[in-house]
Amino acid sequence: MATRCDDAVPSGLHTTTRVDEIIAKVRPGAWKRMSCGDGAHGPRVYDWVATPIRAQFPHGRRGWVLARRNIGTGELAYYRCFGPRGTRLRVLVATAGARWAVEEAFQTAKNETGLDQYQVRRYDAWYAHITLAMAAAAFLVITRAAEQARGDPAGAGHADPVEQQRDPSPVHPAGLDRPAPHQSHPALVTVA
């Protein structure tokens, strides 16, 4: 979980310390340069370090303060982590980097299915809108995957998107039976 630099974490029996002060005490050689996942412009490479939090967690769990340092600017970002004892730095880094994929998925859903285009007046209307937008986003992901599996990445074989809307070719993702021409698609009936 990303946190602020002034977030206080347990550092002793009855004391707390700010996360930026904890990371400032880390020796310079402890930082490891690694990627936290691929981005739009290639791997996201930063310097990373983790230090344990002195807190009691049940079931053999442990807490850490994880810090990310920008290679170019030296800017720091902080995370509070929680997991099984013995969790390695690369796992903490991969988990922290996973948030970008989630943010990109939400941005795509906003752009393509109108996830953020609602007016909150009642909870049930908001819930229905979000549910339908997420179902539409899931349908688009399945359709894209089917197109890529057919060897047509991003619709490269279609000349005109307007013509494609007028006469779309049927897409049948793997694992779904092809319906007869006069029947509706079973997966769409289930979603509806």
C-alpha atoms as a PDB file:
ATOM      1  CA  MET A   1       0.000   0.000   0.000  1.00  0.00           C
ATOM      2  CA  ALA A   2       1.476   3.351  -1.011  1.00  0.00           C
ATOM      3  CA  THR A   3       1.859   5.737   1.887  1.00  0.00           C
ATOM      4  CA  ARG A   4       3.018   9.273   2.718  1.00  0.00           C
ATOM      5  CA  CYS A   5       6.535  10.101   3.865  1.00  0.00           C
ATOM      6  CA  ASP A   6       5.236  11.197   7.293  1.00  0.00           C
ATOM      7  CA  ASP A   7       3.367   7.940   7.961  1.00  0.00           C
ATOM      8  CA  ALA A   8       4.472   6.605  11.361  1.00  0.00           C
ATOM      9  CA  VAL A   9       5.104   2.873  11.726  1.00  0.00           C
ATOM     10  CA  PRO A  10       6.038   0.816  14.820  1.00  0.00           C
ATOM     11  CA  SER A  11       9.792   0.946  15.387  1.00  0.00           C
ATOM     12  CA  GLY A  12      10.047  -0.301  18.951  1.00  0.00           C
ATOM     13  CA  LEU A  13       7.973  -1.681  21.772  1.00  0.00           C
ATOM     14  CA  HIS A  14       6.013   1.551  22.322  1.00  0.00           C
ATOM     15  CA  THR A  15       7.507   3.913  19.718  1.00  0.00           C
ATOM     16  CA  THR A  16       6.787   4.881  16.142  1.00  0.00           C
ATOM     17  CA  THR A  17       9.004   6.403  13.477  1.00  0.00           C
ATOM     18  CA  ARG A  18       8.215   8.131  10.189  1.00  0.00           C
ATOM     19  CA  VAL A  19       8.842   5.970   7.107  1.00  0.00           C
ATOM     20  CA  ASP A  20      11.168   8.568   5.542  1.00  0.00           C
ATOM     21  CA  GLU A  21      13.320   8.540   8.709  1.00  0.00           C
ATOM     22  CA  ILE A  22      13.499   4.731   8.648  1.00  0.00           C
ATOM     23  CA  ILE A  23      14.586   4.697   4.997  1.00  0.00           C
ATOM     24  CA  ALA A  24      17.119   7.515   5.604  1.00  0.00           C
ATOM     25  CA  LYS A  25      18.965   5.174   7.999  1.00  0.00           C
ATOM     26  CA  VAL A  26      19.395   2.447   5.354  1.00  0.00           C
ATOM     27  CA  ARG A  27      22.975   2.066   4.138  1.00  0.00           C
ATOM     28  CA  PRO A  28      23.524   3.202   0.517  1.00  0.00           C
ATOM     29  CA  GLY A  29      24.630  -0.269  -0.660  1.00  0.00           C
ATOM     30  CA  ALA A  30      21.332  -1.845   0.386  1.00  0.00           C
ATOM     31  CA  TRP A  31      19.402  -0.379  -2.567  1.00  0.00           C
ATOM     32  CA  LYS A  32      18.757  -2.838  -5.416  1.00  0.00           C
ATOM     33  CA  ARG A  33      17.984  -1.786  -8.972  1.00  0.00           C
ATOM     34  CA  MET A  34      15.153  -3.822 -10.473  1.00  0.00           C
ATOM     35  CA  SER A  35      12.066  -3.599 -12.640  1.00  0.00           C
ATOM     36  CA  CYS A  36       8.604  -3.610 -11.103  1.00  0.00           C
ATOM     37  CA  GLY A  37       6.953  -4.567 -14.401  1.00  0.00           C
ATOM     38  CA  ASP A  38       6.581  -3.422 -17.962  1.00  0.00           C
ATOM     39  CA  GLY A  39       5.141  -0.043 -18.783  1.00  0.00           C
ATOM     40  CA  ALA A  40       4.168   1.742 -21.977  1.00  0.00           C
ATOM     41  CA  HIS A  41       7.822   2.606 -22.634  1.00  0.00           C
ATOM     42  CA  GLY A  42       9.441  -0.650 -21.481  1.00  0.00           C
ATOM     43  CA  PRO A  43      10.441  -1.935 -18.045  1.00  0.00           C
ATOM     44  CA  ARG A  44       9.850   0.350 -15.047  1.00  0.00           C
ATOM     45  CA  VAL A  45      13.279   0.290 -13.428  1.00  0.00           C
ATOM     46  CA  TYR A  46      13.872   1.901 -10.023  1.00  0.00           C
ATOM     47  CA  ASP A  47      16.118   1.458  -7.011  1.00  0.00           C
ATOM     48  CA  TRP A  48      14.332  -0.415  -4.188  1.00  0.00           C
ATOM     49  CA  VAL A  49      14.945  -1.171  -0.522  1.00  0.00           C
ATOM     50  CA  ALA A  50      12.834  -2.785   2.203  1.00  0.00           C
ATOM     51  CA  THR A  51      13.266  -2.731   5.960  1.00  0.00           C
ATOM     52  CA  PRO A  52      11.172  -4.661   8.504  1.00  0.00           C
ATOM     53  CA  ILE A  53       8.613  -3.017  10.762  1.00  0.00           C
ATOM     54  CA  ARG A  54       8.739  -3.924  14.433  1.00  0.00           C
ATOM     55  CA  ALA A  55       5.140  -4.909  14.961  1.00  0.00           C
ATOM     56  CA  GLN A  56       3.306  -8.011  16.098  1.00  0.00           C
ATOM     57  CA  PHE A  57       1.404  -9.746  13.302  1.00  0.00           C
ATOM     58  CA  PRO A  58      -0.481 -13.032  13.688  1.00  0.00           C
ATOM     59  CA  HIS A  59       0.206 -16.297  11.881  1.00  0.00           C
ATOM     60  CA  GLY A  60       3.872 -15.733  11.076  1.00  0.00           C
ATOM     61  CA  ARG A  61       3.274 -12.539   9.111  1.00  0.00           C
ATOM     62  CA  ARG A  62       5.650  -9.628   8.901  1.00  0.00           C
ATOM     63  CA  GLY A  63       5.533  -5.955   7.933  1.00  0.00           C
ATOM     64  CA  TRP A  64       7.993  -3.872   5.915  1.00  0.00           C
ATOM     65  CA  VAL A  65       8.562  -0.354   4.744  1.00  0.00           C
ATOM     66  CA  LEU A  66       9.388  -0.498   1.041  1.00  0.00           C
ATOM     67  CA  ALA A  67      10.934   2.489  -0.706  1.00  0.00           C
ATOM     68  CA  ARG A  68      11.245   3.224  -4.420  1.00  0.00           C
ATOM     69  CA  ARG A  69      13.842   5.708  -5.664  1.00  0.00           C
ATOM     70  CA  ASN A  70      13.631   7.227  -9.134  1.00  0.00           C
ATOM     71  CA  ILE A  71      16.926   6.626 -10.940  1.00  0.00           C
ATOM     72  CA  GLY A  72      16.904   9.994 -12.726  1.00  0.00           C
ATOM     73  CA  THR A  73      15.530  12.358 -10.090  1.00  0.00           C
ATOM     74  CA  GLY A  74      16.183  10.537  -6.811  1.00  0.00           C
ATOM     75  CA  GLU A  75      12.554  11.119  -5.797  1.00  0.00           C
ATOM     76  CA  LEU A  76      11.334   8.622  -3.196  1.00  0.00           C
ATOM     77  CA  ALA A  77       7.997   6.839  -2.839  1.00  0.00           C
ATOM     78  CA  TYR A  78       7.052   4.720   0.176  1.00  0.00           C
ATOM     79  CA  TYR A  79       4.931   1.614   0.715  1.00  0.00           C
ATOM     80  CA  ARG A  80       3.722  -0.273   3.788  1.00  0.00           C
ATOM     81  CA  CYS A  81       3.854  -4.000   3.111  1.00  0.00           C
ATOM     82  CA  PHE A  82       2.465  -7.016   4.908  1.00  0.00           C
ATOM     83  CA  GLY A  83       3.025 -10.685   4.108  1.00  0.00           C
ATOM     84  CA  PRO A  84       4.482 -14.024   5.136  1.00  0.00           C
ATOM     85  CA  ARG A  85       7.871 -14.060   6.839  1.00  0.00           C
ATOM     86  CA  GLY A  86      10.640 -14.625   4.339  1.00  0.00           C
ATOM     87  CA  THR A  87       8.975 -12.668   1.526  1.00  0.00           C
ATOM     88  CA  ARG A  88      11.758 -11.555  -0.785  1.00  0.00           C
ATOM     89  CA  LEU A  89      12.363  -8.025  -2.042  1.00  0.00           C
ATOM     90  CA  ARG A  90      11.549  -8.989  -5.648  1.00  0.00           C
ATOM     91  CA  VAL A  91       8.068 -10.173  -4.559  1.00  0.00           C
ATOM     92  CA  LEU A  92       7.416  -6.909  -2.684  1.00  0.00           C
ATOM     93  CA  VAL A  93       8.580  -4.947  -5.740  1.00  0.00           C
ATOM     94  CA  ALA A  94       6.389  -6.964  -8.140  1.00  0.00           C
ATOM     95  CA  THR A  95       3.390  -6.475  -5.859  1.00  0.00           C
ATOM     96  CA  ALA A  96       3.994  -2.712  -5.639  1.00  0.00           C
ATOM     97  CA  GLY A  97       4.356  -2.566  -9.452  1.00  0.00           C
ATOM     98  CA  ALA A  98       1.072  -4.419 -10.010  1.00  0.00           C
ATOM     99  CA  ARG A  99      -0.889  -1.275  -9.206  1.00  0.00           C
ATOM    100  CA  TRP A 100       0.020   0.239 -12.597  1.00  0.00           C
ATOM    101  CA  ALA A 101      -1.676  -2.629 -14.429  1.00  0.00           C
ATOM    102  CA  VAL A 102      -4.789  -2.120 -12.313  1.00  0.00           C
ATOM    103  CA  GLU A 103      -4.751   1.643 -12.991  1.00  0.00           C
ATOM    104  CA  GLU A 104      -4.369   1.017 -16.728  1.00  0.00           C
ATOM    105  CA  ALA A 105      -7.310  -1.406 -16.682  1.00  0.00           C
ATOM    106  CA  PHE A 106      -9.507   1.178 -14.956  1.00  0.00           C
ATOM    107  CA  GLN A 107      -8.396   3.893 -17.393  1.00  0.00           C
ATOM    108  CA  THR A 108      -9.226   1.635 -20.322  1.00  0.00           C
ATOM    109  CA  ALA A 109     -12.646   0.886 -18.818  1.00  0.00           C
ATOM    110  CA  LYS A 110     -13.257   4.626 -18.374  1.00  0.00           C
ATOM    111  CA  ASN A 111     -12.270   5.394 -21.963  1.00  0.00           C
ATOM    112  CA  GLU A 112     -13.980   2.482 -23.707  1.00  0.00           C
ATOM    113  CA  THR A 113     -17.054   1.634 -21.630  1.00  0.00           C
ATOM    114  CA  GLY A 114     -17.872   4.851 -19.786  1.00  0.00           C
ATOM    115  CA  LEU A 115     -17.043   3.522 -16.332  1.00  0.00           C
ATOM    116  CA  ASP A 116     -16.842   7.086 -14.978  1.00  0.00           C
ATOM    117  CA  GLN A 117     -19.837   8.472 -16.905  1.00  0.00           C
ATOM    118  CA  TYR A 118     -22.561   8.252 -14.289  1.00  0.00           C
ATOM    119  CA  GLN A 119     -24.429  10.650 -12.048  1.00  0.00           C
ATOM    120  CA  VAL A 120     -24.827   9.401  -8.523  1.00  0.00           C
ATOM    121  CA  ARG A 121     -28.407   9.829  -7.459  1.00  0.00           C
ATOM    122  CA  ARG A 122     -29.154   6.421  -5.975  1.00  0.00           C
ATOM    123  CA  TYR A 123     -26.964   3.525  -4.975  1.00  0.00           C
ATOM    124  CA  ASP A 124     -28.842   0.945  -7.061  1.00  0.00           C
ATOM    125  CA  ALA A 125     -28.497   3.063 -10.238  1.00  0.00           C
ATOM    126  CA  TRP A 126     -24.773   3.543  -9.597  1.00  0.00           C
ATOM    127  CA  TYR A 127     -24.356  -0.177  -8.930  1.00  0.00           C
ATOM    128  CA  ALA A 128     -26.188  -1.112 -12.145  1.00  0.00           C
ATOM    129  CA  HIS A 129     -24.065   1.317 -14.195  1.00  0.00           C
ATOM    130  CA  ILE A 130     -20.769   0.071 -12.749  1.00  0.00           C
ATOM    131  CA  THR A 131     -21.814  -3.573 -13.209  1.00  0.00           C
ATOM    132  CA  LEU A 132     -22.765  -3.070 -16.862  1.00  0.00           C
ATOM    133  CA  ALA A 133     -19.628  -1.022 -17.603  1.00  0.00           C
ATOM    134  CA  MET A 134     -17.391  -3.695 -16.072  1.00  0.00           C
ATOM    135  CA  ALA A 135     -19.255  -6.454 -17.954  1.00  0.00           C
ATOM    136  CA  ALA A 136     -18.728  -4.513 -21.195  1.00  0.00           C
ATOM    137  CA  ALA A 137     -15.033  -4.082 -20.350  1.00  0.00           C
ATOM    138  CA  ALA A 138     -14.712  -7.834 -19.711  1.00  0.00           C
ATOM    139  CA  PHE A 139     -16.435  -8.553 -23.038  1.00  0.00           C
ATOM    140  CA  LEU A 140     -13.978  -6.264 -24.839  1.00  0.00           C
ATOM    141  CA  VAL A 141     -11.002  -7.983 -23.196  1.00  0.00           C
ATOM    142  CA  ILE A 142     -12.302 -11.413 -24.282  1.00  0.00           C
ATOM    143  CA  THR A 143     -12.999 -10.128 -27.792  1.00  0.00           C
ATOM    144  CA  ARG A 144      -9.493  -8.640 -28.078  1.00  0.00           C
ATOM    145  CA  ALA A 145      -7.936 -11.880 -26.870  1.00  0.00           C
ATOM    146  CA  ALA A 146      -9.949 -13.852 -29.429  1.00  0.00           C
ATOM    147  CA  GLU A 147      -8.882 -11.483 -32.208  1.00  0.00           C
ATOM    148  CA  GLN A 148      -5.244 -11.814 -31.208  1.00  0.00           C
ATOM    149  CA  ALA A 149      -5.564 -15.594 -31.058  1.00  0.00           C
ATOM    150  CA  ARG A 150      -6.934 -15.509 -34.618  1.00  0.00           C
ATOM    151  CA  GLY A 151      -3.819 -13.595 -35.653  1.00  0.00           C
ATOM    152  CA  ASP A 152      -5.519 -10.243 -36.155  1.00  0.00           C
ATOM    153  CA  PRO A 153      -3.927  -7.984 -33.508  1.00  0.00           C
ATOM    154  CA  ALA A 154      -5.948  -4.837 -32.793  1.00  0.00           C
ATOM    155  CA  GLY A 155      -8.155  -5.353 -35.848  1.00  0.00           C
ATOM    156  CA  ALA A 156      -5.304  -4.862 -38.338  1.00  0.00           C
ATOM    157  CA  GLY A 157      -7.205  -6.823 -40.990  1.00  0.00           C
ATOM    158  CA  HIS A 158     -10.190  -4.447 -41.006  1.00  0.00           C
ATOM    159  CA  ALA A 159      -9.938  -1.475 -43.314  1.00  0.00           C
ATOM    160  CA  ASP A 160     -12.682   0.755 -41.973  1.00  0.00           C
ATOM    161  CA  PRO A 161     -13.953   0.725 -38.354  1.00  0.00           C
ATOM    162  CA  VAL A 162     -17.295   2.227 -39.483  1.00  0.00           C
ATOM    163  CA  GLU A 163     -17.801  -0.642 -41.935  1.00  0.00           C
ATOM    164  CA  GLN A 164     -16.823  -3.063 -39.191  1.00  0.00           C
ATOM    165  CA  GLN A 165     -19.632  -1.666 -37.006  1.00  0.00           C
ATOM    166  CA  ARG A 166     -22.167  -2.008 -39.831  1.00  0.00           C
ATOM    167  CA  ASP A 167     -21.248  -5.628 -40.583  1.00  0.00           C
ATOM    168  CA  PRO A 168     -19.202  -7.035 -37.696  1.00  0.00           C
ATOM    169  CA  SER A 169     -17.701 -10.463 -38.095  1.00  0.00           C
ATOM    170  CA  PRO A 170     -18.744 -12.822 -35.275  1.00  0.00           C
ATOM    171  CA  VAL A 171     -16.178 -13.398 -32.559  1.00  0.00           C
ATOM    172  CA  HIS A 172     -16.257 -16.667 -30.647  1.00  0.00           C
ATOM    173  CA  PRO A 173     -13.781 -16.733 -27.741  1.00  0.00           C
ATOM    174  CA  ALA A 174     -12.221 -20.073 -26.931  1.00  0.00           C
ATOM    175  CA  GLY A 175     -14.392 -22.284 -24.788  1.00  0.00           C
ATOM    176  CA  LEU A 176     -17.720 -20.837 -25.993  1.00  0.00           C
ATOM    177  CA  ASP A 177     -19.856 -22.827 -28.417  1.00  0.00           C
ATOM    178  CA  ARG A 178     -20.821 -21.179 -31.667  1.00  0.00           C
ATOM    179  CA  PRO A 179     -24.569 -20.507 -31.625  1.00  0.00           C
ATOM    180  CA  ALA A 180     -26.761 -21.316 -34.580  1.00  0.00           C
ATOM    181  CA  PRO A 181     -27.401 -18.252 -36.775  1.00  0.00           C
ATOM    182  CA  HIS A 182     -30.955 -17.830 -35.457  1.00  0.00           C
ATOM    183  CA  GLN A 183     -29.950 -18.172 -31.766  1.00  0.00           C
ATOM    184  CA  SER A 184     -28.536 -15.512 -29.481  1.00  0.00           C
ATOM    185  CA  HIS A 185     -25.016 -15.901 -28.106  1.00  0.00           C
ATOM    186  CA  PRO A 186     -25.198 -17.889 -24.822  1.00  0.00           C
ATOM    187  CA  ALA A 187     -22.494 -15.853 -23.075  1.00  0.00           C
ATOM    188  CA  LEU A 188     -24.294 -12.590 -23.812  1.00  0.00           C
ATOM    189  CA  VAL A 189     -27.552 -14.006 -22.480  1.00  0.00           C
ATOM    190  CA  THR A 190     -25.749 -15.010 -19.287  1.00  0.00           C
ATOM    191  CA  VAL A 191     -24.256 -11.518 -18.922  1.00  0.00           C
ATOM    192  CA  ALA A 192     -27.613  -9.867 -19.563  1.00  0.00           C
END
